[in-house]
C-alpha atoms as a PDB file:
ATOM      1  CA  MET A   1       0.128  27.526  -8.755  1.00  0.00           C
ATOM      2  CA  ALA A   2       1.885  29.050 -11.775  1.00  0.00           C
ATOM      3  CA  LYS A   3       0.241  28.677 -15.175  1.00  0.00           C
ATOM      4  CA  LEU A   4       0.756  25.117 -16.283  1.00  0.00           C
ATOM      5  CA  GLU A   5       1.106  26.084 -19.931  1.00  0.00           C
ATOM      6  CA  GLU A   6       4.290  27.935 -18.990  1.00  0.00           C
ATOM      7  CA  THR A   7       5.827  24.954 -17.228  1.00  0.00           C
ATOM      8  CA  SER A   8       8.972  23.725 -18.945  1.00  0.00           C
ATOM      9  CA  ALA A   9       8.608  20.134 -20.159  1.00  0.00           C
ATOM     10  CA  LYS A  10      12.256  19.230 -19.743  1.00  0.00           C
ATOM     11  CA  LYS A  11      11.830  15.571 -19.048  1.00  0.00           C
ATOM     12  CA  ALA A  12       9.323  13.218 -20.675  1.00  0.00           C
ATOM     13  CA  LYS A  13       8.175  10.051 -18.949  1.00  0.00           C
ATOM     14  CA  THR A  14       9.856   6.993 -20.395  1.00  0.00           C
ATOM     15  CA  HIS A  15       7.423   4.772 -22.258  1.00  0.00           C
ATOM     16  CA  THR A  16       7.564   1.229 -20.908  1.00  0.00           C
ATOM     17  CA  VAL A  17       7.805  -1.540 -23.500  1.00  0.00           C
ATOM     18  CA  TYR A  18       6.049  -4.732 -22.434  1.00  0.00           C
ATOM     19  CA  LYS A  19       7.030  -8.148 -23.809  1.00  0.00           C
ATOM     20  CA  ASN A  20       5.628 -11.590 -23.144  1.00  0.00           C
ATOM     21  CA  LYS A  21       7.685 -14.662 -22.230  1.00  0.00           C
ATOM     22  CA  ASP A  22       8.503 -15.234 -25.916  1.00  0.00           C
ATOM     23  CA  GLY A  23       9.901 -11.722 -26.290  1.00  0.00           C
ATOM     24  CA  VAL A  24       6.937 -10.515 -28.347  1.00  0.00           C
ATOM     25  CA  ARG A  25       5.856  -6.944 -27.727  1.00  0.00           C
ATOM     26  CA  ILE A  26       2.378  -6.628 -26.213  1.00  0.00           C
ATOM     27  CA  PRO A  27       0.223  -3.568 -25.436  1.00  0.00           C
ATOM     28  CA  GLY A  28       0.175  -1.810 -22.101  1.00  0.00           C
ATOM     29  CA  THR A  29      -2.907  -1.245 -19.981  1.00  0.00           C
ATOM     30  CA  THR A  30      -3.123   2.495 -20.667  1.00  0.00           C
ATOM     31  CA  THR A  31      -2.773   1.905 -24.413  1.00  0.00           C
ATOM     32  CA  ILE A  32      -5.692  -0.506 -24.332  1.00  0.00           C
ATOM     33  CA  ILE A  33      -7.817   1.832 -22.200  1.00  0.00           C
ATOM     34  CA  GLY A  34      -7.162   4.499 -24.833  1.00  0.00           C
ATOM     35  CA  VAL A  35      -9.861   3.011 -27.087  1.00  0.00           C
ATOM     36  CA  MET A  36     -12.552   4.109 -24.638  1.00  0.00           C
ATOM     37  CA  ASP A  37     -14.733   7.090 -25.440  1.00  0.00           C
ATOM     38  CA  LYS A  38     -13.921  10.009 -23.123  1.00  0.00           C
ATOM     39  CA  PRO A  39     -16.563  12.740 -23.611  1.00  0.00           C
ATOM     40  CA  ALA A  40     -15.433  14.640 -20.513  1.00  0.00           C
ATOM     41  CA  LEU A  41     -11.925  14.888 -21.964  1.00  0.00           C
ATOM     42  CA  VAL A  42     -13.249  16.260 -25.249  1.00  0.00           C
ATOM     43  CA  ALA A  43     -15.252  18.934 -23.441  1.00  0.00           C
ATOM     44  CA  TRP A  44     -12.224  19.831 -21.307  1.00  0.00           C
ATOM     45  CA  ALA A  45      -9.954  20.195 -24.344  1.00  0.00           C
ATOM     46  CA  ASN A  46     -12.573  22.317 -26.102  1.00  0.00           C
ATOM     47  CA  GLY A  47     -12.738  24.598 -23.062  1.00  0.00           C
ATOM     48  CA  LEU A  48      -8.971  25.081 -23.140  1.00  0.00           C
ATOM     49  CA  GLY A  49      -9.140  25.975 -26.820  1.00  0.00           C
ATOM     50  CA  LEU A  50     -11.787  28.597 -26.160  1.00  0.00           C
ATOM     51  CA  GLN A  51      -9.430  30.143 -23.589  1.00  0.00           C
ATOM     52  CA  GLY A  52      -6.656  30.316 -26.162  1.00  0.00           C
ATOM     53  CA  ILE A  53      -4.570  27.639 -24.420  1.00  0.00           C
ATOM     54  CA  GLU A  54      -2.585  25.280 -26.638  1.00  0.00           C
ATOM     55  CA  VAL A  55      -3.886  21.875 -25.578  1.00  0.00           C
ATOM     56  CA  GLY A  56      -0.780  19.863 -26.488  1.00  0.00           C
ATOM     57  CA  LYS A  57       1.592  21.942 -24.382  1.00  0.00           C
ATOM     58  CA  TYR A  58      -0.869  22.096 -21.513  1.00  0.00           C
ATOM     59  CA  VAL A  59      -1.309  18.324 -21.463  1.00  0.00           C
ATOM     60  CA  ASP A  60       2.461  17.795 -21.635  1.00  0.00           C
ATOM     61  CA  ALA A  61       2.907  20.077 -18.619  1.00  0.00           C
ATOM     62  CA  LEU A  62       0.260  18.207 -16.633  1.00  0.00           C
ATOM     63  CA  ALA A  63       1.813  14.871 -17.580  1.00  0.00           C
ATOM     64  CA  GLU A  64       5.232  16.014 -16.429  1.00  0.00           C
ATOM     65  CA  ILE A  65       3.832  17.094 -13.065  1.00  0.00           C
ATOM     66  CA  GLY A  66       2.127  13.734 -12.645  1.00  0.00           C
ATOM     67  CA  SER A  67       5.251  11.813 -13.636  1.00  0.00           C
ATOM     68  CA  LEU A  68       7.387  13.809 -11.201  1.00  0.00           C
ATOM     69  CA  ALA A  69       4.918  13.283  -8.332  1.00  0.00           C
ATOM     70  CA  HIS A  70       4.992   9.530  -8.985  1.00  0.00           C
ATOM     71  CA  LEU A  71       8.800   9.597  -9.074  1.00  0.00           C
ATOM     72  CA  ILE A  72       9.098  11.532  -5.806  1.00  0.00           C
ATOM     73  CA  ILE A  73       6.835   9.023  -4.054  1.00  0.00           C
ATOM     74  CA  GLU A  74       8.708   6.090  -5.577  1.00  0.00           C
ATOM     75  CA  LYS A  75      12.080   7.489  -4.442  1.00  0.00           C
ATOM     76  CA  TYR A  76      10.711   8.136  -0.962  1.00  0.00           C
ATOM     77  CA  LEU A  77       9.329   4.617  -0.566  1.00  0.00           C
ATOM     78  CA  LYS A  78      12.577   3.082  -1.833  1.00  0.00           C
ATOM     79  CA  LYS A  79      14.603   5.427   0.391  1.00  0.00           C
ATOM     80  CA  GLU A  80      16.467   6.816  -2.622  1.00  0.00           C
ATOM     81  CA  THR A  81      17.659  10.372  -3.241  1.00  0.00           C
ATOM     82  CA  MET A  82      15.543  12.547  -5.536  1.00  0.00           C
ATOM     83  CA  ASN A  83      17.269  14.793  -8.097  1.00  0.00           C
ATOM     84  CA  TYR A  84      15.265  17.793  -9.333  1.00  0.00           C
ATOM     85  CA  ASP A  85      17.849  19.195 -11.766  1.00  0.00           C
ATOM     86  CA  ASP A  86      15.833  18.323 -14.882  1.00  0.00           C
ATOM     87  CA  TYR A  87      12.638  20.005 -13.704  1.00  0.00           C
ATOM     88  CA  SER A  88      11.471  23.614 -13.629  1.00  0.00           C
ATOM     89  CA  PRO A  89      10.507  25.259 -10.295  1.00  0.00           C
ATOM     90  CA  ASN A  90       6.846  25.388 -11.388  1.00  0.00           C
ATOM     91  CA  THR A  91       6.787  21.670 -12.092  1.00  0.00           C
ATOM     92  CA  VAL A  92       8.477  20.838  -8.785  1.00  0.00           C
ATOM     93  CA  LYS A  93       6.075  23.031  -6.804  1.00  0.00           C
ATOM     94  CA  ALA A  94       2.975  21.458  -8.355  1.00  0.00           C
ATOM     95  CA  ALA A  95       4.330  17.901  -7.949  1.00  0.00           C
ATOM     96  CA  GLU A  96       5.273  18.484  -4.317  1.00  0.00           C
ATOM     97  CA  ASN A  97       1.773  19.796  -3.586  1.00  0.00           C
ATOM     98  CA  ALA A  98       0.412  16.467  -4.810  1.00  0.00           C
ATOM     99  CA  VAL A  99       2.993  14.447  -2.895  1.00  0.00           C
ATOM    100  CA  LEU A 100       2.107  16.216   0.374  1.00  0.00           C
ATOM    101  CA  LYS A 101      -1.446  14.927   0.025  1.00  0.00           C
ATOM    102  CA  PHE A 102      -0.087  11.390  -0.289  1.00  0.00           C
ATOM    103  CA  PHE A 103       2.038  11.873   2.820  1.00  0.00           C
ATOM    104  CA  HIS A 104      -0.985  13.089   4.801  1.00  0.00           C
ATOM    105  CA  TRP A 105      -2.871   9.957   3.736  1.00  0.00           C
ATOM    106  CA  LEU A 106       0.117   7.814   4.707  1.00  0.00           C
ATOM    107  CA  GLU A 107       0.239   9.358   8.188  1.00  0.00           C
ATOM    108  CA  SER A 108      -3.370   8.267   8.787  1.00  0.00           C
ATOM    109  CA  LYS A 109      -2.476   4.584   8.434  1.00  0.00           C
ATOM    110  CA  LYS A 110      -1.611   2.496  11.476  1.00  0.00           C
ATOM    111  CA  ASP A 111       0.214  -0.178   9.496  1.00  0.00           C
ATOM    112  CA  PHE A 112       1.775   0.474   6.098  1.00  0.00           C
ATOM    113  CA  ARG A 113       4.345  -1.771   4.428  1.00  0.00           C
ATOM    114  CA  VAL A 114       5.518  -1.449   0.840  1.00  0.00           C
ATOM    115  CA  ILE A 115       5.648  -4.672  -1.134  1.00  0.00           C
ATOM    116  CA  GLY A 116       6.319  -3.150  -4.543  1.00  0.00           C
ATOM    117  CA  SER A 117       6.514   0.265  -6.191  1.00  0.00           C
ATOM    118  CA  GLU A 118       6.321   0.827  -9.962  1.00  0.00           C
ATOM    119  CA  MET A 119       5.966  -2.930 -10.473  1.00  0.00           C
ATOM    120  CA  VAL A 120       6.116  -3.976 -14.140  1.00  0.00           C
ATOM    121  CA  LEU A 121       3.972  -7.077 -14.677  1.00  0.00           C
ATOM    122  CA  ILE A 122       2.792  -9.139 -17.656  1.00  0.00           C
ATOM    123  CA  SER A 123      -0.408 -11.099 -18.206  1.00  0.00           C
ATOM    124  CA  GLU A 124       0.452 -14.164 -20.263  1.00  0.00           C
ATOM    125  CA  LYS A 125      -3.203 -15.209 -20.204  1.00  0.00           C
ATOM    126  CA  TYR A 126      -4.552 -12.007 -21.739  1.00  0.00           C
ATOM    127  CA  GLN A 127      -1.332 -10.723 -23.359  1.00  0.00           C
ATOM    128  CA  TYR A 128      -0.942  -7.233 -21.933  1.00  0.00           C
ATOM    129  CA  GLY A 129       1.342  -5.469 -19.502  1.00  0.00           C
ATOM    130  CA  GLY A 130       1.107  -2.766 -16.891  1.00  0.00           C
ATOM    131  CA  THR A 131       3.012  -0.870 -14.238  1.00  0.00           C
ATOM    132  CA  ILE A 132       1.562  -0.910 -10.715  1.00  0.00           C
ATOM    133  CA  ASP A 133       2.036   2.393  -8.880  1.00  0.00           C
ATOM    134  CA  LEU A 134       1.974   0.856  -5.417  1.00  0.00           C
ATOM    135  CA  TYR A 135       1.327  -2.580  -3.969  1.00  0.00           C
ATOM    136  CA  CYS A 136       1.390  -2.612  -0.198  1.00  0.00           C
ATOM    137  CA  PHE A 137       0.044  -4.059   3.034  1.00  0.00           C
ATOM    138  CA  VAL A 138      -2.236  -1.462   4.644  1.00  0.00           C
ATOM    139  CA  ASP A 139      -4.059  -1.949   7.931  1.00  0.00           C
ATOM    140  CA  GLY A 140      -4.345  -5.704   7.471  1.00  0.00           C
ATOM    141  CA  LYS A 141      -5.083  -5.776   3.733  1.00  0.00           C
ATOM    142  CA  TYR A 142      -3.008  -6.458   0.637  1.00  0.00           C
ATOM    143  CA  THR A 143      -3.780  -3.267  -1.246  1.00  0.00           C
ATOM    144  CA  LEU A 144      -3.339  -2.057  -4.811  1.00  0.00           C
ATOM    145  CA  ILE A 145      -3.046   1.726  -4.992  1.00  0.00           C
ATOM    146  CA  ASP A 146      -3.200   3.775  -8.165  1.00  0.00           C
ATOM    147  CA  LEU A 147      -2.134   7.418  -7.884  1.00  0.00           C
ATOM    148  CA  LYS A 148      -3.864  10.067  -9.986  1.00  0.00           C
ATOM    149  CA  THR A 149      -2.820  13.715 -10.205  1.00  0.00           C
ATOM    150  CA  CYS A 150      -6.055  15.063 -11.649  1.00  0.00           C
ATOM    151  CA  LYS A 151      -9.140  17.113 -10.817  1.00  0.00           C
ATOM    152  CA  ALA A 152     -11.564  14.168 -10.895  1.00  0.00           C
ATOM    153  CA  CYS A 153     -11.714  10.403 -11.308  1.00  0.00           C
ATOM    154  CA  TYR A 154     -13.721   8.739 -14.058  1.00  0.00           C
ATOM    155  CA  GLY A 155     -14.879   5.251 -14.924  1.00  0.00           C
ATOM    156  CA  GLU A 156     -11.899   4.539 -17.149  1.00  0.00           C
ATOM    157  CA  HIS A 157      -9.617   4.976 -14.127  1.00  0.00           C
ATOM    158  CA  TYR A 158     -11.418   2.150 -12.329  1.00  0.00           C
ATOM    159  CA  THR A 159     -11.268  -0.003 -15.454  1.00  0.00           C
ATOM    160  CA  GLN A 160      -7.521   0.589 -15.569  1.00  0.00           C
ATOM    161  CA  VAL A 161      -7.138  -0.458 -11.933  1.00  0.00           C
ATOM    162  CA  SER A 162      -9.136  -3.644 -12.590  1.00  0.00           C
ATOM    163  CA  ALA A 163      -6.526  -4.603 -15.194  1.00  0.00           C
ATOM    164  CA  TYR A 164      -3.739  -3.944 -12.681  1.00  0.00           C
ATOM    165  CA  ARG A 165      -5.535  -6.120 -10.127  1.00  0.00           C
ATOM    166  CA  ASN A 166      -5.607  -8.980 -12.616  1.00  0.00           C
ATOM    167  CA  LEU A 167      -1.874  -8.551 -13.251  1.00  0.00           C
ATOM    168  CA  LEU A 168      -1.165  -8.919  -9.538  1.00  0.00           C
ATOM    169  CA  LEU A 169      -3.474 -11.910  -9.096  1.00  0.00           C
ATOM    170  CA  GLU A 170      -2.179 -13.680 -12.195  1.00  0.00           C
ATOM    171  CA  ASN A 171       1.381 -13.268 -10.937  1.00  0.00           C
ATOM    172  CA  GLY A 172       0.615 -14.735  -7.525  1.00  0.00           C
ATOM    173  CA  HIS A 173       0.066 -11.585  -5.471  1.00  0.00           C
ATOM    174  CA  PRO A 174      -3.049 -11.510  -3.249  1.00  0.00           C
ATOM    175  CA  VAL A 175      -5.275  -8.426  -3.484  1.00  0.00           C
ATOM    176  CA  ASP A 176      -7.803  -7.585  -0.764  1.00  0.00           C
ATOM    177  CA  ASP A 177      -8.465  -3.975  -1.687  1.00  0.00           C
ATOM    178  CA  CYS A 178      -8.066  -1.668  -4.688  1.00  0.00           C
ATOM    179  CA  ARG A 179      -7.941   2.094  -4.232  1.00  0.00           C
ATOM    180  CA  VAL A 180      -7.441   5.210  -6.314  1.00  0.00           C
ATOM    181  CA  LEU A 181      -5.761   8.097  -4.514  1.00  0.00           C
ATOM    182  CA  ARG A 182      -6.487  11.361  -6.293  1.00  0.00           C
ATOM    183  CA  ILE A 183      -3.720  13.721  -5.204  1.00  0.00           C
ATOM    184  CA  GLY A 184      -4.471  17.174  -6.613  1.00  0.00           C
ATOM    185  CA  ARG A 185      -1.712  19.475  -7.805  1.00  0.00           C
ATOM    186  CA  ASP A 186      -2.897  22.441  -5.739  1.00  0.00           C
ATOM    187  CA  ASP A 187      -5.384  23.215  -2.948  1.00  0.00           C
ATOM    188  CA  SER A 188      -8.258  23.722  -5.383  1.00  0.00           C
ATOM    189  CA  GLU A 189      -7.908  20.170  -6.731  1.00  0.00           C
ATOM    190  CA  GLY A 190      -8.103  18.596  -3.283  1.00  0.00           C
ATOM    191  CA  PHE A 191      -7.744  14.922  -2.391  1.00  0.00           C
ATOM    192  CA  ASP A 192      -9.898  11.795  -2.639  1.00  0.00           C
ATOM    193  CA  ASP A 193      -9.453   8.182  -1.577  1.00  0.00           C
ATOM    194  CA  TYR A 194     -11.719   5.957  -3.679  1.00  0.00           C
ATOM    195  CA  SER A 195     -12.415   2.262  -3.312  1.00  0.00           C
ATOM    196  CA  VAL A 196     -12.881   0.801  -6.804  1.00  0.00           C
ATOM    197  CA  PRO A 197     -16.533  -0.226  -7.275  1.00  0.00           C
ATOM    198  CA  LYS A 198     -17.736  -3.238  -9.308  1.00  0.00           C
ATOM    199  CA  ILE A 199     -14.163  -4.198 -10.106  1.00  0.00           C
ATOM    200  CA  ASP A 200     -15.051  -7.519 -11.784  1.00  0.00           C
ATOM    201  CA  THR A 201     -17.410  -5.687 -14.134  1.00  0.00           C
ATOM    202  CA  HIS A 202     -14.721  -3.129 -14.874  1.00  0.00           C
ATOM    203  CA  PHE A 203     -12.385  -5.963 -15.825  1.00  0.00           C
ATOM    204  CA  LYS A 204     -15.004  -7.294 -18.228  1.00  0.00           C
ATOM    205  CA  ARG A 205     -14.990  -3.849 -19.832  1.00  0.00           C
ATOM    206  CA  PHE A 206     -11.198  -3.904 -19.978  1.00  0.00           C
ATOM    207  CA  LEU A 207     -11.272  -7.210 -21.873  1.00  0.00           C
ATOM    208  CA  ILE A 208     -13.764  -5.706 -24.332  1.00  0.00           C
ATOM    209  CA  CYS A 209     -11.376  -2.775 -24.788  1.00  0.00           C
ATOM    210  CA  LYS A 210      -8.568  -5.262 -25.391  1.00  0.00           C
ATOM    211  CA  GLU A 211     -10.616  -6.991 -28.086  1.00  0.00           C
ATOM    212  CA  LEU A 212     -11.465  -3.657 -29.739  1.00  0.00           C
ATOM    213  CA  TYR A 213      -7.803  -2.641 -29.582  1.00  0.00           C
ATOM    214  CA  GLU A 214      -6.791  -5.828 -31.419  1.00  0.00           C
ATOM    215  CA  VAL A 215      -9.527  -5.353 -34.044  1.00  0.00           C
ATOM    216  CA  ASN A 216      -8.453  -1.752 -34.657  1.00  0.00           C
ATOM    217  CA  LYS A 217      -4.845  -2.878 -34.917  1.00  0.00           C
ATOM    218  CA  GLU A 218      -5.785  -5.481 -37.539  1.00  0.00           C
ATOM    219  CA  LEU A 219      -7.839  -2.968 -39.538  1.00  0.00           C
ATOM    220  CA  ASN A 220      -4.997  -0.439 -39.513  1.00  0.00           C
ATOM    221  CA  ARG A 221      -2.452  -2.866 -40.909  1.00  0.00           C
ATOM    222  CA  LYS A 222      -1.457  -2.128 -44.479  1.00  0.00           C
END
């Protein structure tokens, strides 16, 4: 794959604004998860710096690849036409590598029915929002799937999925299984299909993150 730092970031992912039933803006799941300590991320960024790679541009390039891979899958599942005009060839190539891994996983399923893709949901009980990558019926189970274009999965990913599971349940959608599909951007990054472990405990951690987020927000007010 071409050097990611050279990938043109022509199109940024639109930031979703979540509002409760009263029209009040509330935080998103990924914003709340952002309060978690991520030592592996710090070490990774330090390694890039030692290689002379500008971290900001590199991260933007990775984010664009991930956003495009999600969009390709969404368009495919909704049977809509995909337009690549706003993306560089390097970005398209990396995103399509990831998407192929998803397609191979899809082919292994005997029964697969999409219920919702990129579902925006709100928790009125806990006052947060989130966007579900994929909610589907797979081999007899109502399944929540979170797609990750990354080299590895970490605990915060499972905590994030636990919050998405609550969003589905709170809004009346049954959930029998929660999975993280890690679809690498090239052959070296591979593929993994993880079942989320200890999901109720992860949701407890999410609620602690939510509380810390609110405390930090209060402390930062002028």
